[in-house]
Amino acid sequence: MLKIFNRYPASNPEESGGRMSLRSTPSKKGEKMPAGKTGTGTGEREDKQLLCFTCRNVLTRESNTIEVSGKHSHFFTNPAGIEFNLRCFSDAPGCEIKGVPIADFTWFPGYHWCFAFCSECSVQSGWFYLSPSDRFFGLIREALI
């Protein structure tokens, strides 16, 4: 059975028997925009929206980019031989987290992972990673425009 979770678990999966506690964060689910930049018009750095390749739902923003293990972008191959180029983000409000976090086959030692899907069209956008002291999204570069 697939369990559905919102982002931002409030506890470590090992402390809660593998289940994530839920705490919702407001997002603009279903917000669709043409690819491009949006700005404040105040001279501040414009913050590019990153959209779902399939439906153009806003998944995250460039301002949410982070480095994990010293890099923002990582290349991995899963056990089935499929290669992925992941970009790391502190937040992805347009993603829905699904599944129970597991440590099996993790690409980031010390982190559990579960799936991250577009909240609008349900296409897999990447993964959500969780450790006792950190959390982030690893989104598939090819799933973003």
N, C-alpha and C. Protein backbone atom coordinates (compact mmCIF):
# COMPACT_ATOMS: atom_id res chain seq x y z
N MET A 1 0.84 -1.18 0.00
CA MET A 1 0.00 0.00 0.00
C MET A 1 0.89 1.24 0.00
N LEU A 2 0.59 2.18 -0.86
CA LEU A 2 1.35 3.42 -0.97
C LEU A 2 0.77 4.44 -0.01
N LYS A 3 1.62 5.00 0.82
CA LYS A 3 1.19 6.03 1.77
C LYS A 3 1.54 7.39 1.18
N ILE A 4 0.66 8.36 1.34
CA ILE A 4 0.88 9.69 0.77
C ILE A 4 1.19 10.65 1.91
N PHE A 5 2.24 11.45 1.72
CA PHE A 5 2.69 12.37 2.74
C PHE A 5 2.87 13.75 2.15
N ASN A 6 2.67 14.77 2.95
CA ASN A 6 3.05 16.13 2.57
C ASN A 6 4.52 16.32 2.87
N ARG A 7 5.08 17.42 2.40
CA ARG A 7 6.49 17.68 2.67
C ARG A 7 6.69 18.11 4.11
N TYR A 8 7.94 18.20 4.51
CA TYR A 8 8.37 18.62 5.84
C TYR A 8 7.97 17.67 6.95
N PRO A 9 8.51 16.46 6.93
CA PRO A 9 8.23 15.56 8.06
C PRO A 9 8.81 16.18 9.34
N ALA A 10 8.10 15.99 10.41
CA ALA A 10 8.51 16.59 11.67
C ALA A 10 9.41 15.67 12.49
N SER A 11 9.65 14.45 12.01
CA SER A 11 10.47 13.54 12.81
C SER A 11 11.32 12.66 11.92
N ASN A 12 12.30 12.06 12.54
CA ASN A 12 13.18 11.10 11.89
C ASN A 12 12.38 9.83 11.61
N PRO A 13 12.49 9.21 10.40
CA PRO A 13 11.69 8.03 10.10
C PRO A 13 11.98 6.87 11.04
N GLU A 14 13.21 6.76 11.55
CA GLU A 14 13.52 5.65 12.44
C GLU A 14 12.86 5.83 13.80
N GLU A 15 12.62 7.08 14.21
CA GLU A 15 11.97 7.34 15.48
C GLU A 15 10.47 7.09 15.41
N SER A 16 9.91 7.07 14.22
CA SER A 16 8.46 6.92 14.07
C SER A 16 8.09 5.63 13.35
N GLY A 17 8.95 4.64 13.41
CA GLY A 17 8.63 3.37 12.77
C GLY A 17 8.59 3.45 11.27
N GLY A 18 9.31 4.39 10.67
CA GLY A 18 9.34 4.50 9.22
C GLY A 18 8.27 5.40 8.63
N ARG A 19 7.34 5.88 9.45
CA ARG A 19 6.29 6.77 8.95
C ARG A 19 6.69 8.20 9.21
N MET A 20 6.38 9.06 8.29
CA MET A 20 6.70 10.47 8.46
C MET A 20 5.52 11.19 9.10
N SER A 21 5.82 12.05 10.06
CA SER A 21 4.80 12.92 10.61
C SER A 21 4.51 14.00 9.59
N LEU A 22 3.30 14.52 9.59
CA LEU A 22 2.91 15.48 8.56
C LEU A 22 2.76 16.87 9.14
N ARG A 23 3.18 17.82 8.33
CA ARG A 23 2.95 19.22 8.62
C ARG A 23 2.86 19.90 7.27
N SER A 24 1.75 20.46 6.96
CA SER A 24 1.54 21.03 5.64
C SER A 24 2.12 22.43 5.56
N THR A 25 2.58 22.79 4.37
CA THR A 25 3.06 24.13 4.08
C THR A 25 2.23 24.66 2.93
N PRO A 26 1.73 25.87 3.00
CA PRO A 26 0.92 26.40 1.90
C PRO A 26 1.72 26.42 0.60
N SER A 27 1.09 26.02 -0.47
CA SER A 27 1.70 26.12 -1.78
C SER A 27 0.61 26.47 -2.77
N LYS A 28 1.03 26.90 -3.92
CA LYS A 28 0.07 27.26 -4.95
C LYS A 28 -0.11 26.08 -5.88
N LYS A 29 -0.74 25.02 -5.37
CA LYS A 29 -0.97 23.83 -6.17
C LYS A 29 -1.74 24.19 -7.42
N GLY A 30 -1.26 23.68 -8.52
CA GLY A 30 -1.93 23.92 -9.78
C GLY A 30 -1.51 25.20 -10.46
N GLU A 31 -0.63 25.99 -9.83
CA GLU A 31 -0.16 27.22 -10.46
C GLU A 31 0.64 26.84 -11.69
N LYS A 32 0.23 27.33 -12.84
CA LYS A 32 0.92 27.02 -14.09
C LYS A 32 1.37 28.31 -14.72
N MET A 33 2.61 28.31 -15.17
CA MET A 33 3.18 29.50 -15.76
C MET A 33 3.96 29.12 -17.00
N PRO A 34 4.10 30.04 -17.94
CA PRO A 34 5.00 29.77 -19.05
C PRO A 34 6.44 29.76 -18.53
N ALA A 35 7.31 29.01 -19.20
CA ALA A 35 8.71 28.98 -18.78
C ALA A 35 9.27 30.38 -18.84
N GLY A 36 10.07 30.75 -17.86
CA GLY A 36 10.67 32.07 -17.86
C GLY A 36 10.93 32.55 -16.46
N LYS A 37 11.25 33.84 -16.35
CA LYS A 37 11.59 34.42 -15.06
C LYS A 37 10.47 35.30 -14.57
N THR A 38 10.38 35.37 -13.26
CA THR A 38 9.49 36.33 -12.64
C THR A 38 10.34 37.18 -11.72
N GLY A 39 9.99 38.41 -11.54
CA GLY A 39 10.80 39.29 -10.69
C GLY A 39 9.92 40.19 -9.88
N THR A 40 10.55 40.88 -8.95
CA THR A 40 9.81 41.78 -8.08
C THR A 40 9.69 43.17 -8.67
N GLY A 41 10.53 43.47 -9.66
CA GLY A 41 10.50 44.79 -10.25
C GLY A 41 11.21 45.82 -9.38
N THR A 42 11.88 45.38 -8.32
CA THR A 42 12.55 46.30 -7.42
C THR A 42 14.06 46.29 -7.62
N GLY A 43 14.53 45.66 -8.68
CA GLY A 43 15.96 45.59 -8.92
C GLY A 43 16.61 44.39 -8.26
N GLU A 44 15.83 43.60 -7.49
CA GLU A 44 16.37 42.40 -6.88
C GLU A 44 16.61 41.35 -7.96
N ARG A 45 17.47 40.37 -7.64
CA ARG A 45 17.75 39.29 -8.57
C ARG A 45 16.45 38.55 -8.90
N GLU A 46 16.23 38.36 -10.18
CA GLU A 46 15.03 37.65 -10.59
C GLU A 46 15.18 36.18 -10.24
N ASP A 47 14.08 35.55 -9.86
CA ASP A 47 14.08 34.18 -9.37
C ASP A 47 13.32 33.30 -10.36
N LYS A 48 14.04 32.53 -11.14
CA LYS A 48 13.44 31.71 -12.17
C LYS A 48 12.61 30.58 -11.55
N GLN A 49 11.41 30.42 -12.06
CA GLN A 49 10.56 29.31 -11.66
C GLN A 49 11.00 28.07 -12.45
N LEU A 50 11.00 26.93 -11.79
CA LEU A 50 11.30 25.66 -12.45
C LEU A 50 10.00 24.88 -12.51
N LEU A 51 9.61 24.52 -13.72
CA LEU A 51 8.30 23.95 -13.97
C LEU A 51 8.39 22.47 -14.30
N CYS A 52 7.28 21.76 -14.07
CA CYS A 52 7.15 20.37 -14.47
C CYS A 52 7.20 20.30 -15.99
N PHE A 53 8.03 19.44 -16.53
CA PHE A 53 8.17 19.28 -17.97
C PHE A 53 6.84 18.86 -18.60
N THR A 54 6.05 18.08 -17.88
CA THR A 54 4.82 17.52 -18.44
C THR A 54 3.66 18.51 -18.44
N CYS A 55 3.42 19.19 -17.30
CA CYS A 55 2.22 20.02 -17.20
C CYS A 55 2.48 21.50 -16.90
N ARG A 56 3.73 21.89 -16.71
CA ARG A 56 4.13 23.27 -16.40
C ARG A 56 3.69 23.77 -15.03
N ASN A 57 3.39 22.86 -14.11
CA ASN A 57 3.15 23.23 -12.72
C ASN A 57 4.47 23.75 -12.13
N VAL A 58 4.41 24.80 -11.33
CA VAL A 58 5.61 25.33 -10.70
C VAL A 58 6.05 24.35 -9.60
N LEU A 59 7.23 23.73 -9.78
CA LEU A 59 7.73 22.78 -8.79
C LEU A 59 8.60 23.45 -7.74
N THR A 60 9.48 24.34 -8.16
CA THR A 60 10.40 25.02 -7.25
C THR A 60 10.95 26.26 -7.93
N ARG A 61 11.94 26.89 -7.33
CA ARG A 61 12.56 28.10 -7.87
C ARG A 61 14.07 27.96 -7.78
N GLU A 62 14.76 28.69 -8.62
CA GLU A 62 16.23 28.69 -8.58
C GLU A 62 16.77 29.10 -7.22
N SER A 63 16.04 29.97 -6.51
CA SER A 63 16.50 30.41 -5.19
C SER A 63 16.54 29.29 -4.17
N ASN A 64 15.92 28.16 -4.47
CA ASN A 64 15.92 27.01 -3.57
C ASN A 64 17.08 26.05 -3.83
N THR A 65 17.95 26.37 -4.79
CA THR A 65 19.07 25.47 -5.07
C THR A 65 20.02 25.41 -3.89
N ILE A 66 20.54 24.21 -3.62
CA ILE A 66 21.50 24.00 -2.54
C ILE A 66 22.57 23.04 -3.02
N GLU A 67 23.64 22.95 -2.27
CA GLU A 67 24.66 21.95 -2.50
C GLU A 67 24.53 20.85 -1.46
N VAL A 68 24.66 19.62 -1.91
CA VAL A 68 24.68 18.46 -1.03
C VAL A 68 25.94 17.69 -1.38
N SER A 69 26.72 17.34 -0.39
CA SER A 69 28.02 16.68 -0.62
C SER A 69 28.89 17.51 -1.55
N GLY A 70 28.81 18.84 -1.41
CA GLY A 70 29.67 19.74 -2.15
C GLY A 70 29.26 20.06 -3.57
N LYS A 71 28.10 19.56 -4.02
CA LYS A 71 27.65 19.82 -5.40
C LYS A 71 26.14 20.05 -5.42
N HIS A 72 25.73 20.85 -6.40
CA HIS A 72 24.29 21.05 -6.62
C HIS A 72 23.73 19.96 -7.54
N SER A 73 24.51 19.53 -8.51
CA SER A 73 24.06 18.55 -9.50
C SER A 73 24.84 17.25 -9.32
N HIS A 74 24.12 16.14 -9.37
CA HIS A 74 24.71 14.81 -9.17
C HIS A 74 24.24 13.86 -10.27
N PHE A 75 25.11 12.93 -10.66
CA PHE A 75 24.76 11.90 -11.64
C PHE A 75 24.77 10.55 -10.94
N PHE A 76 23.67 9.79 -11.09
CA PHE A 76 23.54 8.49 -10.45
C PHE A 76 22.93 7.48 -11.41
N THR A 77 23.13 6.21 -11.11
CA THR A 77 22.50 5.10 -11.84
C THR A 77 21.77 4.24 -10.82
N ASN A 78 20.49 3.96 -11.07
CA ASN A 78 19.73 3.14 -10.13
C ASN A 78 20.01 1.66 -10.35
N PRO A 79 19.52 0.77 -9.48
CA PRO A 79 19.79 -0.66 -9.63
C PRO A 79 19.31 -1.26 -10.95
N ALA A 80 18.36 -0.61 -11.62
CA ALA A 80 17.86 -1.09 -12.91
C ALA A 80 18.72 -0.59 -14.07
N GLY A 81 19.76 0.20 -13.77
CA GLY A 81 20.64 0.71 -14.81
C GLY A 81 20.20 2.02 -15.43
N ILE A 82 19.17 2.66 -14.88
CA ILE A 82 18.69 3.93 -15.42
C ILE A 82 19.50 5.07 -14.80
N GLU A 83 20.01 5.96 -15.65
CA GLU A 83 20.84 7.07 -15.20
C GLU A 83 19.99 8.30 -14.93
N PHE A 84 20.36 9.03 -13.88
CA PHE A 84 19.65 10.25 -13.51
C PHE A 84 20.65 11.37 -13.23
N ASN A 85 20.27 12.57 -13.63
CA ASN A 85 21.00 13.78 -13.27
C ASN A 85 20.09 14.53 -12.31
N LEU A 86 20.48 14.58 -11.03
CA LEU A 86 19.66 15.23 -10.01
C LEU A 86 20.19 16.61 -9.68
N ARG A 87 19.27 17.53 -9.46
CA ARG A 87 19.58 18.85 -8.94
C ARG A 87 18.99 18.92 -7.54
N CYS A 88 19.72 19.52 -6.60
CA CYS A 88 19.31 19.55 -5.20
C CYS A 88 18.65 20.88 -4.84
N PHE A 89 17.53 20.79 -4.11
CA PHE A 89 16.75 21.95 -3.71
C PHE A 89 16.32 21.84 -2.26
N SER A 90 16.33 22.96 -1.55
CA SER A 90 15.89 22.98 -0.16
C SER A 90 14.38 22.81 -0.04
N ASP A 91 13.65 23.18 -1.08
CA ASP A 91 12.19 23.11 -1.05
C ASP A 91 11.67 22.92 -2.47
N ALA A 92 10.56 22.24 -2.58
CA ALA A 92 9.88 22.06 -3.87
C ALA A 92 8.38 22.05 -3.59
N PRO A 93 7.78 23.23 -3.38
CA PRO A 93 6.37 23.31 -3.01
C PRO A 93 5.41 22.66 -4.00
N GLY A 94 5.82 22.53 -5.26
CA GLY A 94 4.95 21.91 -6.27
C GLY A 94 5.07 20.41 -6.34
N CYS A 95 5.84 19.82 -5.42
CA CYS A 95 5.99 18.36 -5.38
C CYS A 95 5.19 17.77 -4.22
N GLU A 96 4.72 16.57 -4.43
CA GLU A 96 4.03 15.81 -3.40
C GLU A 96 4.91 14.61 -3.06
N ILE A 97 5.15 14.41 -1.79
CA ILE A 97 5.99 13.30 -1.33
C ILE A 97 5.12 12.08 -1.09
N LYS A 98 5.54 10.94 -1.62
CA LYS A 98 4.78 9.70 -1.45
C LYS A 98 5.71 8.58 -1.03
N GLY A 99 5.21 7.74 -0.15
CA GLY A 99 5.94 6.56 0.27
C GLY A 99 6.53 6.71 1.65
N VAL A 100 7.02 5.60 2.17
CA VAL A 100 7.69 5.55 3.46
C VAL A 100 9.17 5.71 3.20
N PRO A 101 9.85 6.65 3.86
CA PRO A 101 11.29 6.84 3.63
C PRO A 101 12.08 5.56 3.94
N ILE A 102 12.96 5.19 3.01
CA ILE A 102 13.80 4.00 3.20
C ILE A 102 15.26 4.37 2.94
N ALA A 103 16.15 3.55 3.47
CA ALA A 103 17.59 3.79 3.28
C ALA A 103 18.16 2.92 2.17
N ASP A 104 17.42 1.90 1.72
CA ASP A 104 17.91 0.98 0.69
C ASP A 104 18.29 1.74 -0.58
N PHE A 105 19.44 1.42 -1.12
CA PHE A 105 19.92 1.98 -2.39
C PHE A 105 19.99 3.51 -2.40
N THR A 106 20.18 4.12 -1.25
CA THR A 106 20.24 5.58 -1.21
C THR A 106 21.48 6.08 -1.94
N TRP A 107 21.35 7.18 -2.63
CA TRP A 107 22.48 7.80 -3.32
C TRP A 107 23.21 8.78 -2.42
N PHE A 108 22.63 9.09 -1.28
CA PHE A 108 23.23 10.02 -0.33
C PHE A 108 23.36 9.31 1.02
N PRO A 109 24.55 8.83 1.35
CA PRO A 109 24.74 8.11 2.61
C PRO A 109 24.23 8.91 3.81
N GLY A 110 23.53 8.22 4.71
CA GLY A 110 22.96 8.85 5.89
C GLY A 110 21.55 9.38 5.67
N TYR A 111 21.05 9.34 4.44
CA TYR A 111 19.71 9.83 4.13
C TYR A 111 18.77 8.69 3.76
N HIS A 112 17.53 8.81 4.20
CA HIS A 112 16.44 7.96 3.71
C HIS A 112 15.80 8.71 2.55
N TRP A 113 15.10 8.00 1.69
CA TRP A 113 14.47 8.65 0.54
C TRP A 113 13.06 8.11 0.33
N CYS A 114 12.26 8.91 -0.34
CA CYS A 114 10.95 8.50 -0.86
C CYS A 114 10.70 9.32 -2.13
N PHE A 115 9.67 8.99 -2.83
CA PHE A 115 9.41 9.60 -4.14
C PHE A 115 8.82 11.01 -4.02
N ALA A 116 9.13 11.85 -5.02
CA ALA A 116 8.55 13.18 -5.15
C ALA A 116 7.88 13.25 -6.53
N PHE A 117 6.60 13.56 -6.53
CA PHE A 117 5.81 13.63 -7.75
C PHE A 117 5.28 15.05 -7.94
N CYS A 118 5.04 15.44 -9.18
CA CYS A 118 4.37 16.71 -9.45
C CYS A 118 2.99 16.66 -8.80
N SER A 119 2.65 17.68 -8.03
CA SER A 119 1.37 17.69 -7.33
C SER A 119 0.18 17.90 -8.27
N GLU A 120 0.46 18.29 -9.49
CA GLU A 120 -0.62 18.53 -10.46
C GLU A 120 -0.87 17.32 -11.35
N CYS A 121 0.18 16.77 -11.99
CA CYS A 121 -0.02 15.69 -12.97
C CYS A 121 0.48 14.33 -12.49
N SER A 122 1.10 14.27 -11.31
CA SER A 122 1.56 13.03 -10.67
C SER A 122 2.71 12.33 -11.39
N VAL A 123 3.42 13.02 -12.28
CA VAL A 123 4.61 12.46 -12.91
C VAL A 123 5.75 12.54 -11.88
N GLN A 124 6.59 11.50 -11.82
CA GLN A 124 7.70 11.54 -10.88
C GLN A 124 8.67 12.66 -11.25
N SER A 125 8.95 13.51 -10.27
CA SER A 125 9.85 14.64 -10.46
C SER A 125 11.22 14.38 -9.84
N GLY A 126 11.30 13.41 -8.93
CA GLY A 126 12.55 13.10 -8.26
C GLY A 126 12.30 12.39 -6.96
N TRP A 127 13.11 12.76 -5.95
CA TRP A 127 13.05 12.11 -4.65
C TRP A 127 13.17 13.14 -3.55
N PHE A 128 12.64 12.79 -2.38
CA PHE A 128 12.81 13.59 -1.18
C PHE A 128 13.75 12.83 -0.27
N TYR A 129 14.78 13.51 0.25
CA TYR A 129 15.79 12.88 1.10
C TYR A 129 15.70 13.46 2.51
N LEU A 130 15.86 12.56 3.49
CA LEU A 130 15.68 12.92 4.88
C LEU A 130 16.75 12.25 5.73
N SER A 131 17.42 13.05 6.57
CA SER A 131 18.37 12.51 7.56
C SER A 131 17.92 13.03 8.92
N PRO A 132 18.57 12.60 10.00
CA PRO A 132 18.17 13.11 11.31
C PRO A 132 18.32 14.63 11.43
N SER A 133 19.20 15.23 10.63
CA SER A 133 19.44 16.67 10.77
C SER A 133 19.20 17.49 9.50
N ASP A 134 18.74 16.87 8.43
CA ASP A 134 18.63 17.58 7.17
C ASP A 134 17.55 16.97 6.30
N ARG A 135 17.10 17.71 5.31
CA ARG A 135 16.14 17.22 4.31
C ARG A 135 16.29 18.05 3.05
N PHE A 136 16.06 17.45 1.90
CA PHE A 136 16.14 18.17 0.63
C PHE A 136 15.45 17.36 -0.45
N PHE A 137 15.23 18.03 -1.59
CA PHE A 137 14.68 17.38 -2.76
C PHE A 137 15.78 17.18 -3.78
N GLY A 138 15.85 16.01 -4.39
CA GLY A 138 16.71 15.74 -5.53
C GLY A 138 15.80 15.60 -6.73
N LEU A 139 15.71 16.64 -7.55
CA LEU A 139 14.80 16.62 -8.69
C LEU A 139 15.54 16.27 -9.97
N ILE A 140 14.89 15.50 -10.81
CA ILE A 140 15.46 15.03 -12.06
C ILE A 140 15.56 16.21 -13.03
N ARG A 141 16.77 16.48 -13.49
CA ARG A 141 17.00 17.64 -14.37
C ARG A 141 16.07 17.61 -15.58
N GLU A 142 15.88 16.47 -16.17
CA GLU A 142 15.05 16.35 -17.39
C GLU A 142 13.56 16.52 -17.09
N ALA A 143 13.15 16.48 -15.81
CA ALA A 143 11.75 16.69 -15.45
C ALA A 143 11.42 18.16 -15.25
N LEU A 144 12.44 19.02 -15.35
CA LEU A 144 12.27 20.45 -15.10
C LEU A 144 12.44 21.29 -16.37
N ILE A 145 11.63 22.32 -16.50
CA ILE A 145 11.86 23.31 -17.56
C ILE A 145 11.84 24.69 -16.94
